[in-house]
Amino acid sequence: MDWVPIVFGIFKLGVLGVCMFFAIKWHYDKDKEVAQRKKEEAQMQSEASGL
């Protein structure tokens, strides 16, 4: 029974690490998406003003 806290601790750290990875990845992807959207809007505005 002495191994139970060790196994649960390792499992907890593994789950926490995976969740942190996906949280950081999600925020990074959202920031890239917003930047891309702003770039496309600026390009559309420059094309519209050129007409």
C-alpha atoms as a PDB file:
ATOM      1  CA  MET A   1       0.000   0.000   0.000  1.00  0.00           C
ATOM      2  CA  ASP A   2       3.010   2.298   0.209  1.00  0.00           C
ATOM      3  CA  TRP A   3       3.106   2.511  -3.608  1.00  0.00           C
ATOM      4  CA  VAL A   4      -0.435   3.946  -3.942  1.00  0.00           C
ATOM      5  CA  PRO A   5       0.495   7.589  -3.147  1.00  0.00           C
ATOM      6  CA  ILE A   6       3.479   7.344  -5.490  1.00  0.00           C
ATOM      7  CA  VAL A   7       1.372   6.025  -8.389  1.00  0.00           C
ATOM      8  CA  PHE A   8      -1.405   8.551  -7.794  1.00  0.00           C
ATOM      9  CA  GLY A   9       1.152  11.370  -7.498  1.00  0.00           C
ATOM     10  CA  ILE A  10       2.779  10.430 -10.790  1.00  0.00           C
ATOM     11  CA  PHE A  11      -0.654  10.128 -12.433  1.00  0.00           C
ATOM     12  CA  LYS A  12      -1.682  13.527 -11.045  1.00  0.00           C
ATOM     13  CA  LEU A  13       1.483  15.185 -12.338  1.00  0.00           C
ATOM     14  CA  GLY A  14       1.033  13.536 -15.739  1.00  0.00           C
ATOM     15  CA  VAL A  15      -2.567  14.710 -16.072  1.00  0.00           C
ATOM     16  CA  LEU A  16      -1.624  18.203 -14.878  1.00  0.00           C
ATOM     17  CA  GLY A  17       1.221  18.361 -17.414  1.00  0.00           C
ATOM     18  CA  VAL A  18      -1.001  17.265 -20.298  1.00  0.00           C
ATOM     19  CA  CYS A  19      -3.724  19.737 -19.321  1.00  0.00           C
ATOM     20  CA  MET A  20      -1.219  22.578 -19.062  1.00  0.00           C
ATOM     21  CA  PHE A  21       0.182  21.707 -22.488  1.00  0.00           C
ATOM     22  CA  PHE A  22      -3.237  21.800 -24.142  1.00  0.00           C
ATOM     23  CA  ALA A  23      -4.240  24.995 -22.299  1.00  0.00           C
ATOM     24  CA  ILE A  24      -1.117  26.793 -23.491  1.00  0.00           C
ATOM     25  CA  LYS A  25      -1.555  25.392 -27.018  1.00  0.00           C
ATOM     26  CA  TRP A  26      -5.205  26.527 -27.120  1.00  0.00           C
ATOM     27  CA  HIS A  27      -4.311  30.083 -26.079  1.00  0.00           C
ATOM     28  CA  TYR A  28      -1.428  30.217 -28.565  1.00  0.00           C
ATOM     29  CA  ASP A  29      -3.686  29.010 -31.392  1.00  0.00           C
ATOM     30  CA  LYS A  30      -6.387  31.540 -30.469  1.00  0.00           C
ATOM     31  CA  ASP A  31      -3.839  34.377 -30.538  1.00  0.00           C
ATOM     32  CA  LYS A  32      -2.634  33.237 -33.970  1.00  0.00           C
ATOM     33  CA  GLU A  33      -6.232  33.077 -35.208  1.00  0.00           C
ATOM     34  CA  VAL A  34      -6.971  36.617 -33.984  1.00  0.00           C
ATOM     35  CA  ALA A  35      -3.777  37.937 -35.595  1.00  0.00           C
ATOM     36  CA  GLN A  36      -4.638  36.235 -38.888  1.00  0.00           C
ATOM     37  CA  ARG A  37      -8.170  37.661 -38.799  1.00  0.00           C
ATOM     38  CA  LYS A  38      -6.815  41.184 -38.170  1.00  0.00           C
ATOM     39  CA  LYS A  39      -4.358  40.771 -41.039  1.00  0.00           C
ATOM     40  CA  GLU A  40      -7.142  39.666 -43.403  1.00  0.00           C
ATOM     41  CA  GLU A  41      -9.366  42.584 -42.327  1.00  0.00           C
ATOM     42  CA  ALA A  42      -6.544  45.066 -42.916  1.00  0.00           C
ATOM     43  CA  GLN A  43      -5.908  43.567 -46.345  1.00  0.00           C
ATOM     44  CA  MET A  44      -9.592  43.770 -47.248  1.00  0.00           C
ATOM     45  CA  GLN A  45      -9.729  47.406 -46.116  1.00  0.00           C
ATOM     46  CA  SER A  46      -6.663  48.316 -48.169  1.00  0.00           C
ATOM     47  CA  GLU A  47      -8.176  46.627 -51.240  1.00  0.00           C
ATOM     48  CA  ALA A  48     -11.493  48.412 -50.701  1.00  0.00           C
ATOM     49  CA  SER A  49      -9.839  51.810 -50.318  1.00  0.00           C
ATOM     50  CA  GLY A  50      -7.835  51.215 -53.518  1.00  0.00           C
ATOM     51  CA  LEU A  51     -11.005  50.947 -55.614  1.00  0.00           C
END
